[in-house]
């Protein structure tokens, strides 16, 4: 069986399988935290796929990829 020990590496692209954090999404989109927050509050960016409590939010990579495809110029 393969070792499934998580590693602490910075993501530069959307990795399939793992849920994305707020900082990972801002980095992938190249936007500031405040802009992503504004998009969320305005309904321009999809809400989190997973919310735990009030401050843990995660998105599936596919959710972010669909947002990118819909908003290409």
N, C-alpha and C. Protein backbone atom coordinates (compact mmCIF):
# COMPACT_ATOMS: atom_id res chain seq x y z
N UNK A 1 0.83 -1.18 0.00
CA UNK A 1 0.00 0.00 0.00
C UNK A 1 0.88 1.25 0.00
N UNK A 2 0.48 2.25 -0.72
CA UNK A 2 1.26 3.48 -0.83
C UNK A 2 1.16 4.30 0.45
N UNK A 3 2.23 4.99 0.75
CA UNK A 3 2.25 5.88 1.93
C UNK A 3 1.36 7.08 1.64
N UNK A 4 0.39 7.35 2.49
CA UNK A 4 -0.56 8.45 2.29
C UNK A 4 -0.26 9.60 3.23
N UNK A 5 0.98 9.73 3.70
CA UNK A 5 1.35 10.80 4.61
C UNK A 5 1.29 12.14 3.89
N UNK A 6 0.52 13.10 4.42
CA UNK A 6 0.43 14.40 3.75
C UNK A 6 1.77 15.13 3.82
N UNK A 7 2.03 15.89 2.78
CA UNK A 7 3.24 16.71 2.76
C UNK A 7 2.83 18.18 2.80
N UNK A 8 3.73 19.00 3.30
CA UNK A 8 3.45 20.43 3.37
C UNK A 8 4.12 21.11 2.18
N UNK A 9 3.44 21.13 1.06
CA UNK A 9 3.98 21.79 -0.11
C UNK A 9 2.98 22.82 -0.60
N UNK A 10 3.49 23.88 -1.15
CA UNK A 10 2.63 24.94 -1.70
C UNK A 10 2.09 24.47 -3.04
N UNK A 11 0.82 24.71 -3.27
CA UNK A 11 0.20 24.36 -4.54
C UNK A 11 0.38 25.50 -5.51
N UNK A 12 0.67 25.15 -6.74
CA UNK A 12 0.74 26.17 -7.78
C UNK A 12 -0.36 25.95 -8.80
N UNK A 13 -0.98 24.80 -8.80
CA UNK A 13 -2.07 24.50 -9.72
C UNK A 13 -3.17 23.79 -8.95
N UNK A 14 -4.33 23.69 -9.54
CA UNK A 14 -5.44 23.02 -8.90
C UNK A 14 -5.22 21.51 -8.96
N UNK A 15 -5.06 20.89 -7.81
CA UNK A 15 -4.81 19.45 -7.74
C UNK A 15 -6.13 18.71 -7.57
N UNK A 16 -6.35 17.72 -8.40
CA UNK A 16 -7.58 16.94 -8.30
C UNK A 16 -7.57 16.13 -7.01
N UNK A 17 -8.71 16.04 -6.37
CA UNK A 17 -8.85 15.20 -5.20
C UNK A 17 -8.85 15.95 -3.88
N UNK A 18 -7.96 16.90 -3.71
CA UNK A 18 -7.88 17.64 -2.46
C UNK A 18 -8.75 18.89 -2.53
N UNK A 19 -9.40 19.21 -1.43
CA UNK A 19 -10.20 20.42 -1.39
C UNK A 19 -9.26 21.62 -1.22
N UNK A 20 -9.67 22.74 -1.79
CA UNK A 20 -8.85 23.94 -1.80
C UNK A 20 -9.24 24.90 -0.70
N UNK A 21 -8.25 25.56 -0.15
CA UNK A 21 -8.47 26.58 0.88
C UNK A 21 -8.59 27.95 0.24
N UNK A 22 -9.03 28.91 1.02
CA UNK A 22 -9.18 30.28 0.55
C UNK A 22 -7.85 30.82 -0.01
N UNK A 23 -6.73 30.69 0.73
CA UNK A 23 -5.45 31.19 0.19
C UNK A 23 -5.02 30.48 -1.10
N UNK A 24 -5.31 29.19 -1.21
CA UNK A 24 -4.96 28.48 -2.44
C UNK A 24 -5.76 28.98 -3.62
N UNK A 25 -7.02 29.32 -3.39
CA UNK A 25 -7.86 29.83 -4.47
C UNK A 25 -7.41 31.22 -4.90
N UNK A 26 -7.11 32.10 -3.94
CA UNK A 26 -6.64 33.44 -4.32
C UNK A 26 -5.35 33.34 -5.12
N UNK A 27 -4.46 32.42 -4.74
CA UNK A 27 -3.21 32.24 -5.48
C UNK A 27 -3.48 31.70 -6.89
N UNK A 28 -4.38 30.72 -7.01
CA UNK A 28 -4.69 30.12 -8.31
C UNK A 28 -5.34 31.13 -9.25
N UNK A 29 -6.19 32.00 -8.69
CA UNK A 29 -6.88 33.00 -9.50
C UNK A 29 -6.07 34.27 -9.69
N UNK A 30 -5.07 34.46 -8.85
CA UNK A 30 -4.25 35.67 -8.94
C UNK A 30 -5.00 36.91 -8.48
N UNK A 31 -5.85 36.75 -7.46
CA UNK A 31 -6.62 37.87 -6.93
C UNK A 31 -6.35 38.03 -5.44
N UNK A 32 -6.71 39.18 -4.90
CA UNK A 32 -6.52 39.44 -3.47
C UNK A 32 -7.62 38.76 -2.66
N UNK A 33 -7.36 38.62 -1.36
CA UNK A 33 -8.37 38.05 -0.46
C UNK A 33 -9.62 38.92 -0.45
N UNK A 34 -9.42 40.24 -0.44
CA UNK A 34 -10.58 41.13 -0.38
C UNK A 34 -11.44 41.02 -1.64
N UNK A 35 -10.82 40.85 -2.80
CA UNK A 35 -11.61 40.70 -4.03
C UNK A 35 -12.38 39.40 -4.01
N UNK A 36 -11.75 38.31 -3.58
CA UNK A 36 -12.47 37.03 -3.52
C UNK A 36 -13.62 37.11 -2.52
N UNK A 37 -13.40 37.77 -1.39
CA UNK A 37 -14.49 37.95 -0.42
C UNK A 37 -15.65 38.74 -1.04
N UNK A 38 -15.32 39.78 -1.79
CA UNK A 38 -16.35 40.59 -2.44
C UNK A 38 -17.12 39.76 -3.46
N UNK A 39 -16.41 38.96 -4.27
CA UNK A 39 -17.07 38.08 -5.22
C UNK A 39 -18.02 37.12 -4.51
N UNK A 40 -17.59 36.57 -3.38
CA UNK A 40 -18.44 35.66 -2.61
C UNK A 40 -19.69 36.37 -2.11
N UNK A 41 -19.52 37.55 -1.54
CA UNK A 41 -20.68 38.27 -0.99
C UNK A 41 -21.62 38.75 -2.08
N UNK A 42 -21.08 39.03 -3.27
CA UNK A 42 -21.92 39.47 -4.40
C UNK A 42 -22.52 38.31 -5.18
N UNK A 43 -22.15 37.07 -4.82
CA UNK A 43 -22.65 35.90 -5.53
C UNK A 43 -21.95 35.64 -6.84
N UNK A 44 -20.82 36.29 -7.10
CA UNK A 44 -20.08 36.09 -8.35
C UNK A 44 -19.18 34.86 -8.29
N UNK A 45 -18.80 34.43 -7.09
CA UNK A 45 -17.98 33.24 -6.90
C UNK A 45 -18.81 32.24 -6.10
N UNK A 46 -18.76 30.95 -6.47
CA UNK A 46 -19.60 29.97 -5.76
C UNK A 46 -19.22 29.83 -4.29
N UNK A 47 -20.23 29.61 -3.48
CA UNK A 47 -20.01 29.38 -2.06
C UNK A 47 -19.21 28.11 -1.83
N UNK A 48 -18.68 27.97 -0.65
CA UNK A 48 -17.84 26.82 -0.31
C UNK A 48 -18.62 25.52 -0.41
N UNK A 49 -17.94 24.48 -0.85
CA UNK A 49 -18.53 23.14 -0.91
C UNK A 49 -18.58 22.49 0.47
N UNK A 50 -17.71 22.95 1.37
CA UNK A 50 -17.66 22.42 2.72
C UNK A 50 -17.44 23.56 3.69
N UNK A 51 -18.32 23.68 4.68
CA UNK A 51 -18.17 24.70 5.74
C UNK A 51 -18.21 23.98 7.08
N UNK A 52 -17.22 24.27 7.90
CA UNK A 52 -17.18 23.70 9.25
C UNK A 52 -17.09 24.87 10.21
N UNK A 53 -18.10 25.01 11.03
CA UNK A 53 -18.13 26.17 11.91
C UNK A 53 -18.30 27.44 11.07
N UNK A 54 -17.76 28.53 11.55
CA UNK A 54 -17.90 29.77 10.81
C UNK A 54 -16.70 30.17 10.00
N UNK A 55 -15.57 29.48 10.20
CA UNK A 55 -14.37 29.99 9.54
C UNK A 55 -13.55 28.95 8.78
N UNK A 56 -14.04 27.73 8.63
CA UNK A 56 -13.33 26.73 7.83
C UNK A 56 -14.16 26.49 6.57
N UNK A 57 -13.60 26.91 5.44
CA UNK A 57 -14.30 26.76 4.16
C UNK A 57 -13.36 26.08 3.18
N UNK A 58 -13.92 25.15 2.39
CA UNK A 58 -13.15 24.44 1.38
C UNK A 58 -13.97 24.31 0.10
N UNK A 59 -13.27 24.29 -1.03
CA UNK A 59 -13.89 24.14 -2.34
C UNK A 59 -13.25 22.98 -3.07
N UNK A 60 -14.06 22.24 -3.84
CA UNK A 60 -13.51 21.20 -4.70
C UNK A 60 -12.84 21.88 -5.88
N UNK A 61 -11.74 21.32 -6.39
CA UNK A 61 -11.08 21.92 -7.55
C UNK A 61 -12.02 22.11 -8.74
N UNK A 62 -12.94 21.18 -8.94
CA UNK A 62 -13.89 21.29 -10.05
C UNK A 62 -14.77 22.52 -9.94
N UNK A 63 -15.13 22.90 -8.73
CA UNK A 63 -15.94 24.10 -8.52
C UNK A 63 -15.19 25.34 -9.00
N UNK A 64 -13.92 25.40 -8.65
CA UNK A 64 -13.09 26.55 -9.04
C UNK A 64 -12.83 26.51 -10.54
N UNK A 65 -12.58 25.34 -11.09
CA UNK A 65 -12.35 25.22 -12.52
C UNK A 65 -13.57 25.64 -13.33
N UNK A 66 -14.77 25.28 -12.88
CA UNK A 66 -16.00 25.72 -13.57
C UNK A 66 -16.13 27.23 -13.52
N UNK A 67 -15.79 27.85 -12.38
CA UNK A 67 -15.83 29.30 -12.27
C UNK A 67 -14.87 29.92 -13.29
N UNK A 68 -13.67 29.37 -13.40
CA UNK A 68 -12.68 29.91 -14.33
C UNK A 68 -13.19 29.79 -15.78
N UNK A 69 -13.74 28.64 -16.13
CA UNK A 69 -14.26 28.44 -17.50
C UNK A 69 -15.40 29.39 -17.82
N UNK A 70 -16.30 29.60 -16.85
CA UNK A 70 -17.45 30.50 -17.09
C UNK A 70 -17.03 31.95 -17.21
N UNK A 71 -15.89 32.31 -16.64
CA UNK A 71 -15.51 33.72 -16.59
C UNK A 71 -14.31 34.07 -17.45
N UNK A 72 -13.99 33.22 -18.41
CA UNK A 72 -12.92 33.55 -19.34
C UNK A 72 -13.35 34.70 -20.22
N UNK A 73 -12.42 35.59 -20.48
CA UNK A 73 -12.74 36.77 -21.31
C UNK A 73 -12.66 36.44 -22.77
